[in-house]
C-alpha atoms as a PDB file:
ATOM      1  CA  UNK A   1       1.607 -32.324  -0.167  1.00  0.00           C
ATOM      2  CA  UNK A   2      -0.880 -33.180  -3.011  1.00  0.00           C
ATOM      3  CA  UNK A   3      -3.775 -32.309  -1.002  1.00  0.00           C
ATOM      4  CA  UNK A   4      -2.230 -28.881   0.042  1.00  0.00           C
ATOM      5  CA  UNK A   5      -0.970 -28.201  -3.604  1.00  0.00           C
ATOM      6  CA  UNK A   6      -4.872 -28.891  -4.942  1.00  0.00           C
ATOM      7  CA  UNK A   7      -6.187 -26.993  -2.315  1.00  0.00           C
ATOM      8  CA  UNK A   8      -4.150 -23.922  -3.241  1.00  0.00           C
ATOM      9  CA  UNK A   9      -4.867 -24.551  -6.915  1.00  0.00           C
ATOM     10  CA  UNK A  10      -8.504 -24.062  -5.886  1.00  0.00           C
ATOM     11  CA  UNK A  11      -8.297 -21.375  -3.645  1.00  0.00           C
ATOM     12  CA  UNK A  12      -5.107 -19.244  -4.617  1.00  0.00           C
ATOM     13  CA  UNK A  13      -6.492 -15.921  -3.950  1.00  0.00           C
ATOM     14  CA  UNK A  14      -7.527 -16.595  -0.038  1.00  0.00           C
ATOM     15  CA  UNK A  15      -4.445 -18.630   0.547  1.00  0.00           C
ATOM     16  CA  UNK A  16      -2.376 -15.958  -0.418  1.00  0.00           C
ATOM     17  CA  UNK A  17      -4.195 -13.486   1.986  1.00  0.00           C
ATOM     18  CA  UNK A  18      -3.869 -16.265   5.010  1.00  0.00           C
ATOM     19  CA  UNK A  19      -0.534 -17.332   4.110  1.00  0.00           C
ATOM     20  CA  UNK A  20       0.574 -13.247   4.084  1.00  0.00           C
ATOM     21  CA  UNK A  21      -0.687 -12.825   7.472  1.00  0.00           C
ATOM     22  CA  UNK A  22       0.790 -15.783   8.644  1.00  0.00           C
ATOM     23  CA  UNK A  23       4.314 -15.321   7.794  1.00  0.00           C
ATOM     24  CA  UNK A  24       4.416 -11.333   8.361  1.00  0.00           C
ATOM     25  CA  UNK A  25       3.243 -11.188  11.407  1.00  0.00           C
ATOM     26  CA  UNK A  26       4.870 -14.319  12.144  1.00  0.00           C
ATOM     27  CA  UNK A  27       8.048 -13.184  11.551  1.00  0.00           C
ATOM     28  CA  UNK A  28       7.571 -10.317  13.662  1.00  0.00           C
ATOM     29  CA  UNK A  29       6.340 -12.082  16.439  1.00  0.00           C
ATOM     30  CA  UNK A  30       9.492 -14.425  16.204  1.00  0.00           C
ATOM     31  CA  UNK A  31      11.780 -11.472  16.626  1.00  0.00           C
ATOM     32  CA  UNK A  32       9.540  -9.439  19.506  1.00  0.00           C
ATOM     33  CA  UNK A  33       7.770 -13.029  21.115  1.00  0.00           C
ATOM     34  CA  UNK A  34       4.257 -12.456  22.444  1.00  0.00           C
ATOM     35  CA  UNK A  35       5.364 -10.020  24.958  1.00  0.00           C
ATOM     36  CA  UNK A  36       6.783  -7.993  22.692  1.00  0.00           C
ATOM     37  CA  UNK A  37       3.585  -6.325  21.048  1.00  0.00           C
ATOM     38  CA  UNK A  38       2.506  -3.620  20.850  1.00  0.00           C
ATOM     39  CA  UNK A  39       5.968  -3.608  19.541  1.00  0.00           C
ATOM     40  CA  UNK A  40       8.613  -0.803  20.504  1.00  0.00           C
ATOM     41  CA  UNK A  41       8.594   2.054  18.200  1.00  0.00           C
ATOM     42  CA  UNK A  42      12.498   1.873  18.459  1.00  0.00           C
ATOM     43  CA  UNK A  43      12.118  -1.662  16.491  1.00  0.00           C
ATOM     44  CA  UNK A  44      10.293  -0.146  13.764  1.00  0.00           C
ATOM     45  CA  UNK A  45      12.676  -0.361  11.240  1.00  0.00           C
ATOM     46  CA  UNK A  46      13.726  -3.710  11.836  1.00  0.00           C
ATOM     47  CA  UNK A  47       9.612  -5.160  12.189  1.00  0.00           C
ATOM     48  CA  UNK A  48       8.942  -3.314   9.406  1.00  0.00           C
ATOM     49  CA  UNK A  49      11.497  -5.229   7.113  1.00  0.00           C
ATOM     50  CA  UNK A  50      10.320  -8.556   8.771  1.00  0.00           C
ATOM     51  CA  UNK A  51       6.818  -8.174   7.872  1.00  0.00           C
ATOM     52  CA  UNK A  52       7.568  -7.834   4.007  1.00  0.00           C
ATOM     53  CA  UNK A  53       8.838 -11.176   3.850  1.00  0.00           C
ATOM     54  CA  UNK A  54       4.704 -12.383   4.133  1.00  0.00           C
ATOM     55  CA  UNK A  55       3.365 -10.559   0.706  1.00  0.00           C
ATOM     56  CA  UNK A  56       6.750 -11.656  -1.489  1.00  0.00           C
ATOM     57  CA  UNK A  57       7.650 -15.253  -0.011  1.00  0.00           C
ATOM     58  CA  UNK A  58       3.890 -16.092  -0.596  1.00  0.00           C
ATOM     59  CA  UNK A  59       3.646 -14.485  -3.886  1.00  0.00           C
ATOM     60  CA  UNK A  60       6.615 -16.392  -5.034  1.00  0.00           C
ATOM     61  CA  UNK A  61       5.740 -19.792  -3.421  1.00  0.00           C
ATOM     62  CA  UNK A  62       2.104 -19.532  -4.594  1.00  0.00           C
ATOM     63  CA  UNK A  63       3.302 -18.815  -8.166  1.00  0.00           C
ATOM     64  CA  UNK A  64       5.720 -21.756  -8.484  1.00  0.00           C
ATOM     65  CA  UNK A  65       3.012 -23.735  -7.007  1.00  0.00           C
ATOM     66  CA  UNK A  66      -0.287 -22.787  -9.172  1.00  0.00           C
ATOM     67  CA  UNK A  67       1.767 -21.661 -12.477  1.00  0.00           C
ATOM     68  CA  UNK A  68       5.136 -23.010 -12.579  1.00  0.00           C
ATOM     69  CA  UNK A  69       7.760 -21.571 -14.628  1.00  0.00           C
ATOM     70  CA  UNK A  70       4.729 -19.941 -16.824  1.00  0.00           C
ATOM     71  CA  UNK A  71       3.818 -18.014 -14.284  1.00  0.00           C
ATOM     72  CA  UNK A  72       7.534 -16.731 -13.409  1.00  0.00           C
ATOM     73  CA  UNK A  73       7.816 -15.771 -16.843  1.00  0.00           C
ATOM     74  CA  UNK A  74       4.727 -14.098 -17.187  1.00  0.00           C
ATOM     75  CA  UNK A  75       5.674 -12.366 -13.558  1.00  0.00           C
ATOM     76  CA  UNK A  76       8.998 -11.400 -14.632  1.00  0.00           C
ATOM     77  CA  UNK A  77       7.436  -9.978 -17.820  1.00  0.00           C
ATOM     78  CA  UNK A  78       4.809  -7.425 -15.752  1.00  0.00           C
ATOM     79  CA  UNK A  79       8.082  -6.758 -13.502  1.00  0.00           C
ATOM     80  CA  UNK A  80      10.033  -5.255 -16.476  1.00  0.00           C
ATOM     81  CA  UNK A  81       7.127  -3.872 -18.377  1.00  0.00           C
ATOM     82  CA  UNK A  82       8.326  -0.262 -18.606  1.00  0.00           C
ATOM     83  CA  UNK A  83       6.934   0.886 -22.109  1.00  0.00           C
ATOM     84  CA  UNK A  84       3.709   2.515 -20.718  1.00  0.00           C
ATOM     85  CA  UNK A  85       3.553   6.119 -21.560  1.00  0.00           C
ATOM     86  CA  UNK A  86       5.534   8.975 -19.747  1.00  0.00           C
ATOM     87  CA  UNK A  87       2.021  10.108 -18.420  1.00  0.00           C
ATOM     88  CA  UNK A  88       1.625   6.955 -15.791  1.00  0.00           C
ATOM     89  CA  UNK A  89       4.915   7.469 -14.528  1.00  0.00           C
ATOM     90  CA  UNK A  90       3.988  10.762 -13.924  1.00  0.00           C
ATOM     91  CA  UNK A  91       0.488   9.872 -12.062  1.00  0.00           C
ATOM     92  CA  UNK A  92       2.249   6.722  -9.941  1.00  0.00           C
ATOM     93  CA  UNK A  93       5.226   9.087  -8.748  1.00  0.00           C
ATOM     94  CA  UNK A  94       3.139  12.090  -8.009  1.00  0.00           C
ATOM     95  CA  UNK A  95       0.136  11.469  -6.483  1.00  0.00           C
ATOM     96  CA  UNK A  96       1.446  10.855  -3.011  1.00  0.00           C
ATOM     97  CA  UNK A  97       3.524  13.917  -2.796  1.00  0.00           C
ATOM     98  CA  UNK A  98       1.000  16.320  -4.576  1.00  0.00           C
ATOM     99  CA  UNK A  99      -2.273  15.322  -2.585  1.00  0.00           C
ATOM    100  CA  UNK A 100       0.164  15.396   0.449  1.00  0.00           C
ATOM    101  CA  UNK A 101       1.326  18.991  -0.417  1.00  0.00           C
ATOM    102  CA  UNK A 102      -1.998  20.276  -0.973  1.00  0.00           C
ATOM    103  CA  UNK A 103      -3.443  18.649   2.027  1.00  0.00           C
ATOM    104  CA  UNK A 104      -0.647  20.342   3.926  1.00  0.00           C
ATOM    105  CA  UNK A 105      -1.252  23.937   2.386  1.00  0.00           C
ATOM    106  CA  UNK A 106      -4.746  24.005   3.170  1.00  0.00           C
ATOM    107  CA  UNK A 107      -3.886  23.031   6.651  1.00  0.00           C
ATOM    108  CA  UNK A 108      -1.161  25.428   7.274  1.00  0.00           C
ATOM    109  CA  UNK A 109      -4.023  28.329   7.019  1.00  0.00           C
ATOM    110  CA  UNK A 110      -5.492  27.111   9.875  1.00  0.00           C
ATOM    111  CA  UNK A 111      -2.194  26.515  11.790  1.00  0.00           C
ATOM    112  CA  UNK A 112       1.844  26.497  11.810  1.00  0.00           C
ATOM    113  CA  UNK A 113       1.844  22.977  13.218  1.00  0.00           C
ATOM    114  CA  UNK A 114       1.434  21.279   9.792  1.00  0.00           C
ATOM    115  CA  UNK A 115       5.051  22.004   7.733  1.00  0.00           C
ATOM    116  CA  UNK A 116       6.606  19.476   5.701  1.00  0.00           C
ATOM    117  CA  UNK A 117       8.786  16.852   7.342  1.00  0.00           C
ATOM    118  CA  UNK A 118      11.914  17.376   5.489  1.00  0.00           C
ATOM    119  CA  UNK A 119      11.639  21.409   6.111  1.00  0.00           C
ATOM    120  CA  UNK A 120      12.019  20.311  10.196  1.00  0.00           C
ATOM    121  CA  UNK A 121      14.430  17.662   9.593  1.00  0.00           C
ATOM    122  CA  UNK A 122      18.011  18.378  10.971  1.00  0.00           C
ATOM    123  CA  UNK A 123      19.818  16.370   8.065  1.00  0.00           C
ATOM    124  CA  UNK A 124      17.497  16.700   4.967  1.00  0.00           C
ATOM    125  CA  UNK A 125      19.870  14.862   2.826  1.00  0.00           C
ATOM    126  CA  UNK A 126      19.803  11.747   4.980  1.00  0.00           C
ATOM    127  CA  UNK A 127      16.017  12.560   5.455  1.00  0.00           C
ATOM    128  CA  UNK A 128      15.595  12.251   1.364  1.00  0.00           C
ATOM    129  CA  UNK A 129      17.783   9.516   0.816  1.00  0.00           C
ATOM    130  CA  UNK A 130      16.173   7.292   3.569  1.00  0.00           C
ATOM    131  CA  UNK A 131      12.774   7.607   1.840  1.00  0.00           C
ATOM    132  CA  UNK A 132      13.598   7.080  -1.306  1.00  0.00           C
ATOM    133  CA  UNK A 133      15.984   3.904  -0.553  1.00  0.00           C
ATOM    134  CA  UNK A 134      13.031   2.549   1.894  1.00  0.00           C
ATOM    135  CA  UNK A 135      10.360   3.579  -0.577  1.00  0.00           C
ATOM    136  CA  UNK A 136      11.964   1.011  -3.054  1.00  0.00           C
ATOM    137  CA  UNK A 137      12.316  -1.502  -0.278  1.00  0.00           C
ATOM    138  CA  UNK A 138       9.016  -1.615   0.727  1.00  0.00           C
ATOM    139  CA  UNK A 139       7.355  -1.106  -2.600  1.00  0.00           C
ATOM    140  CA  UNK A 140       9.317  -3.802  -4.402  1.00  0.00           C
ATOM    141  CA  UNK A 141       8.714  -6.248  -1.738  1.00  0.00           C
ATOM    142  CA  UNK A 142       4.849  -5.356  -0.824  1.00  0.00           C
ATOM    143  CA  UNK A 143       3.743  -5.011  -4.445  1.00  0.00           C
ATOM    144  CA  UNK A 144       5.470  -8.280  -5.640  1.00  0.00           C
ATOM    145  CA  UNK A 145       2.677  -9.755  -3.570  1.00  0.00           C
ATOM    146  CA  UNK A 146      -0.184  -7.260  -3.475  1.00  0.00           C
ATOM    147  CA  UNK A 147      -0.154  -6.871  -7.057  1.00  0.00           C
ATOM    148  CA  UNK A 148       2.168  -9.275  -8.665  1.00  0.00           C
ATOM    149  CA  UNK A 149      -0.297 -12.250  -7.346  1.00  0.00           C
ATOM    150  CA  UNK A 150      -3.552 -10.665  -5.703  1.00  0.00           C
ATOM    151  CA  UNK A 151      -4.669  -7.981  -7.712  1.00  0.00           C
ATOM    152  CA  UNK A 152      -4.312  -9.802 -11.002  1.00  0.00           C
ATOM    153  CA  UNK A 153      -7.024 -12.839  -9.877  1.00  0.00           C
ATOM    154  CA  UNK A 154      -9.851 -10.296  -9.338  1.00  0.00           C
ATOM    155  CA  UNK A 155      -9.835  -8.081 -12.256  1.00  0.00           C
ATOM    156  CA  UNK A 156     -12.836  -9.543 -12.966  1.00  0.00           C
ATOM    157  CA  UNK A 157     -14.627  -7.511  -9.952  1.00  0.00           C
ATOM    158  CA  UNK A 158     -13.483  -3.868 -11.543  1.00  0.00           C
ATOM    159  CA  UNK A 159     -10.841  -1.488  -9.894  1.00  0.00           C
ATOM    160  CA  UNK A 160     -13.118   0.136  -7.280  1.00  0.00           C
ATOM    161  CA  UNK A 161     -14.203  -3.513  -5.550  1.00  0.00           C
ATOM    162  CA  UNK A 162     -10.596  -4.890  -6.247  1.00  0.00           C
ATOM    163  CA  UNK A 163      -8.665  -1.956  -4.542  1.00  0.00           C
ATOM    164  CA  UNK A 164     -11.528  -1.591  -1.548  1.00  0.00           C
ATOM    165  CA  UNK A 165     -10.990  -5.044  -0.954  1.00  0.00           C
ATOM    166  CA  UNK A 166      -7.251  -5.281  -1.109  1.00  0.00           C
ATOM    167  CA  UNK A 167      -6.953  -1.960   0.447  1.00  0.00           C
ATOM    168  CA  UNK A 168      -8.633  -3.041   3.484  1.00  0.00           C
ATOM    169  CA  UNK A 169      -7.212  -6.192   3.881  1.00  0.00           C
ATOM    170  CA  UNK A 170      -3.675  -4.354   3.522  1.00  0.00           C
ATOM    171  CA  UNK A 171      -4.928  -2.094   6.028  1.00  0.00           C
ATOM    172  CA  UNK A 172      -5.420  -4.785   8.553  1.00  0.00           C
ATOM    173  CA  UNK A 173      -2.153  -6.021   7.482  1.00  0.00           C
ATOM    174  CA  UNK A 174      -0.377  -3.416   9.186  1.00  0.00           C
ATOM    175  CA  UNK A 175      -2.321  -3.526  12.578  1.00  0.00           C
ATOM    176  CA  UNK A 176       0.558  -5.172  14.238  1.00  0.00           C
ATOM    177  CA  UNK A 177       3.040  -2.135  13.485  1.00  0.00           C
ATOM    178  CA  UNK A 178       0.825   0.407  14.078  1.00  0.00           C
ATOM    179  CA  UNK A 179      -0.909  -0.949  17.328  1.00  0.00           C
ATOM    180  CA  UNK A 180       0.849   1.095  20.071  1.00  0.00           C
ATOM    181  CA  UNK A 181       0.546   0.737  24.055  1.00  0.00           C
ATOM    182  CA  UNK A 182      -2.412   3.251  24.280  1.00  0.00           C
ATOM    183  CA  UNK A 183      -4.380   2.207  21.206  1.00  0.00           C
ATOM    184  CA  UNK A 184      -7.369   1.106  22.886  1.00  0.00           C
ATOM    185  CA  UNK A 185      -6.995   3.070  25.997  1.00  0.00           C
ATOM    186  CA  UNK A 186      -9.421   6.027  25.008  1.00  0.00           C
ATOM    187  CA  UNK A 187     -11.030   7.458  21.968  1.00  0.00           C
ATOM    188  CA  UNK A 188      -8.665   9.531  20.280  1.00  0.00           C
ATOM    189  CA  UNK A 189      -5.757   6.805  20.299  1.00  0.00           C
ATOM    190  CA  UNK A 190      -7.987   4.287  18.628  1.00  0.00           C
ATOM    191  CA  UNK A 191      -9.519   6.639  16.196  1.00  0.00           C
ATOM    192  CA  UNK A 192      -6.034   7.433  15.515  1.00  0.00           C
ATOM    193  CA  UNK A 193      -5.015   3.428  15.155  1.00  0.00           C
ATOM    194  CA  UNK A 194      -8.758   3.130  12.713  1.00  0.00           C
ATOM    195  CA  UNK A 195      -7.830   6.408  10.713  1.00  0.00           C
ATOM    196  CA  UNK A 196      -4.037   4.693  10.044  1.00  0.00           C
ATOM    197  CA  UNK A 197      -5.320   1.495   8.834  1.00  0.00           C
ATOM    198  CA  UNK A 198      -8.284   2.096   7.153  1.00  0.00           C
ATOM    199  CA  UNK A 199      -9.127   5.678   5.976  1.00  0.00           C
ATOM    200  CA  UNK A 200      -6.859   6.518   3.394  1.00  0.00           C
ATOM    201  CA  UNK A 201      -4.990   3.355   2.096  1.00  0.00           C
ATOM    202  CA  UNK A 202      -7.862   1.992   0.733  1.00  0.00           C
ATOM    203  CA  UNK A 203      -8.624   4.803  -1.498  1.00  0.00           C
ATOM    204  CA  UNK A 204      -4.597   4.645  -2.583  1.00  0.00           C
ATOM    205  CA  UNK A 205      -4.941   1.215  -3.252  1.00  0.00           C
ATOM    206  CA  UNK A 206      -7.933   1.906  -5.374  1.00  0.00           C
ATOM    207  CA  UNK A 207      -5.400   4.430  -7.286  1.00  0.00           C
ATOM    208  CA  UNK A 208      -2.935   1.853  -7.599  1.00  0.00           C
ATOM    209  CA  UNK A 209      -5.111  -0.978  -9.012  1.00  0.00           C
ATOM    210  CA  UNK A 210      -6.849   1.554 -11.444  1.00  0.00           C
ATOM    211  CA  UNK A 211      -2.984   2.331 -13.020  1.00  0.00           C
ATOM    212  CA  UNK A 212      -2.405  -1.456 -12.585  1.00  0.00           C
ATOM    213  CA  UNK A 213      -5.819  -1.847 -14.699  1.00  0.00           C
ATOM    214  CA  UNK A 214      -4.444   0.305 -17.636  1.00  0.00           C
ATOM    215  CA  UNK A 215      -0.805  -0.536 -18.060  1.00  0.00           C
ATOM    216  CA  UNK A 216      -0.674  -4.137 -16.394  1.00  0.00           C
ATOM    217  CA  UNK A 217       2.519  -2.813 -15.186  1.00  0.00           C
ATOM    218  CA  UNK A 218       4.486  -4.352 -11.936  1.00  0.00           C
ATOM    219  CA  UNK A 219       6.873  -1.764 -12.255  1.00  0.00           C
ATOM    220  CA  UNK A 220       5.009   1.527 -12.276  1.00  0.00           C
ATOM    221  CA  UNK A 221       2.824   0.105  -9.280  1.00  0.00           C
ATOM    222  CA  UNK A 222       6.245  -0.487  -7.367  1.00  0.00           C
ATOM    223  CA  UNK A 223       7.177   2.981  -8.054  1.00  0.00           C
ATOM    224  CA  UNK A 224       4.108   4.442  -6.917  1.00  0.00           C
ATOM    225  CA  UNK A 225       4.392   2.604  -3.722  1.00  0.00           C
ATOM    226  CA  UNK A 226       7.806   3.783  -3.455  1.00  0.00           C
ATOM    227  CA  UNK A 227       6.430   7.264  -3.761  1.00  0.00           C
ATOM    228  CA  UNK A 228       4.157   6.575  -1.015  1.00  0.00           C
ATOM    229  CA  UNK A 229       6.342   5.550   1.249  1.00  0.00           C
ATOM    230  CA  UNK A 230       8.910   8.497   0.393  1.00  0.00           C
ATOM    231  CA  UNK A 231       6.129  10.711   0.800  1.00  0.00           C
ATOM    232  CA  UNK A 232       5.524   9.708   4.068  1.00  0.00           C
ATOM    233  CA  UNK A 233       9.313   9.685   5.416  1.00  0.00           C
ATOM    234  CA  UNK A 234       9.849  13.048   3.649  1.00  0.00           C
ATOM    235  CA  UNK A 235       6.975  15.278   3.728  1.00  0.00           C
ATOM    236  CA  UNK A 236       4.704  13.953   6.146  1.00  0.00           C
ATOM    237  CA  UNK A 237       4.681  16.595   9.446  1.00  0.00           C
ATOM    238  CA  UNK A 238       5.772  14.936  12.751  1.00  0.00           C
ATOM    239  CA  UNK A 239       2.182  15.391  14.789  1.00  0.00           C
ATOM    240  CA  UNK A 240       0.484  13.837  17.193  1.00  0.00           C
ATOM    241  CA  UNK A 241      -2.699  13.711  19.049  1.00  0.00           C
ATOM    242  CA  UNK A 242      -5.516  15.394  17.237  1.00  0.00           C
ATOM    243  CA  UNK A 243      -3.506  17.266  14.896  1.00  0.00           C
ATOM    244  CA  UNK A 244      -2.460  13.895  13.395  1.00  0.00           C
ATOM    245  CA  UNK A 245      -5.746  12.509  13.217  1.00  0.00           C
ATOM    246  CA  UNK A 246      -6.899  15.806  11.424  1.00  0.00           C
ATOM    247  CA  UNK A 247      -3.995  15.448   8.990  1.00  0.00           C
ATOM    248  CA  UNK A 248      -4.926  11.848   8.338  1.00  0.00           C
ATOM    249  CA  UNK A 249      -8.588  12.488   7.897  1.00  0.00           C
ATOM    250  CA  UNK A 250      -7.908  15.340   5.614  1.00  0.00           C
ATOM    251  CA  UNK A 251      -5.692  13.789   3.307  1.00  0.00           C
ATOM    252  CA  UNK A 252      -7.921  10.443   3.404  1.00  0.00           C
ATOM    253  CA  UNK A 253     -10.514  12.699   1.834  1.00  0.00           C
ATOM    254  CA  UNK A 254      -8.364  13.897  -0.536  1.00  0.00           C
ATOM    255  CA  UNK A 255      -7.196  10.634  -1.555  1.00  0.00           C
ATOM    256  CA  UNK A 256     -11.116   9.606  -1.569  1.00  0.00           C
ATOM    257  CA  UNK A 257     -11.820  12.505  -3.902  1.00  0.00           C
ATOM    258  CA  UNK A 258      -9.227  11.409  -6.417  1.00  0.00           C
ATOM    259  CA  UNK A 259      -9.952   7.905  -6.069  1.00  0.00           C
ATOM    260  CA  UNK A 260     -14.187   8.539  -6.840  1.00  0.00           C
ATOM    261  CA  UNK A 261     -12.709  10.359  -9.747  1.00  0.00           C
ATOM    262  CA  UNK A 262     -10.886   8.047 -11.933  1.00  0.00           C
ATOM    263  CA  UNK A 263     -13.087   5.070 -10.883  1.00  0.00           C
ATOM    264  CA  UNK A 264     -15.792   7.027 -12.398  1.00  0.00           C
ATOM    265  CA  UNK A 265     -13.364   7.832 -15.701  1.00  0.00           C
ATOM    266  CA  UNK A 266     -12.767   3.851 -15.525  1.00  0.00           C
ATOM    267  CA  UNK A 267     -16.608   3.222 -15.735  1.00  0.00           C
ATOM    268  CA  UNK A 268     -17.306   5.767 -18.110  1.00  0.00           C
ATOM    269  CA  UNK A 269     -14.592   3.929 -20.224  1.00  0.00           C
ATOM    270  CA  UNK A 270     -15.818   0.379 -20.158  1.00  0.00           C
ATOM    271  CA  UNK A 271     -19.336   1.402 -20.433  1.00  0.00           C
ATOM    272  CA  UNK A 272     -18.446   3.508 -23.723  1.00  0.00           C
ATOM    273  CA  UNK A 273     -16.386   0.174 -24.976  1.00  0.00           C
ATOM    274  CA  UNK A 274     -19.357  -1.767 -24.047  1.00  0.00           C
ATOM    275  CA  UNK A 275     -21.796   0.461 -26.127  1.00  0.00           C
ATOM    276  CA  UNK A 276     -18.795   0.042 -29.107  1.00  0.00           C
ATOM    277  CA  UNK A 277     -19.104  -3.560 -28.934  1.00  0.00           C
ATOM    278  CA  UNK A 278     -22.844  -3.728 -29.234  1.00  0.00           C
END
């Protein structure tokens, strides 16, 4: 046990990523077995909850092993840090729905398929409530790990590099849920899988990292993740095939444009501060 603790304390970040995958994917495989992958879409809710065990449990375990009570107090202080300015709350909550709305507006000029999901839902109240509750649940358990543990230990890399690395790992972590029976059967299914995992998730993670860098509030990042999940469930249109791929890629372009703007602003702020110190 002493050897294990020593290894973890020397390599907390790599240990976090490895354990997150092992616990998350292990929980899914325990429920469905090896024969159950690719997973059945009907099991999406149950398996979606199971995969959340990875980031949250790993964060709690490693915080205790590496930092002890001091680490838990520090984690709690970031979790309940709410006095950060209304502008940051606005950015966190509105980024996902506004970018999605703009994308749908643009695409609707070319096709009538791109209708917000809430407008085609048979029970809009349930759709809205489900999106909000699911968002809070997912946001809390995921960000307890990704932003609660991993992001702060990568701050020296800067917003862009940190967000890109964690975003790509975050995308890969979703693979076991997004892999479908036909994902490797043709160009379009494979393109859909890769687009879901890697086209826009890194961009959104960069934006989440940028907000955390400026606020050091785990709470506001949880709300940003909540907004994302809510947008996916409430606003995203019901699409398939090429129409779905187009929507995903156009959203990716929109988010990468926003990410480029904020990272450029962050870099300019850093350079200005450096010149001022000099």
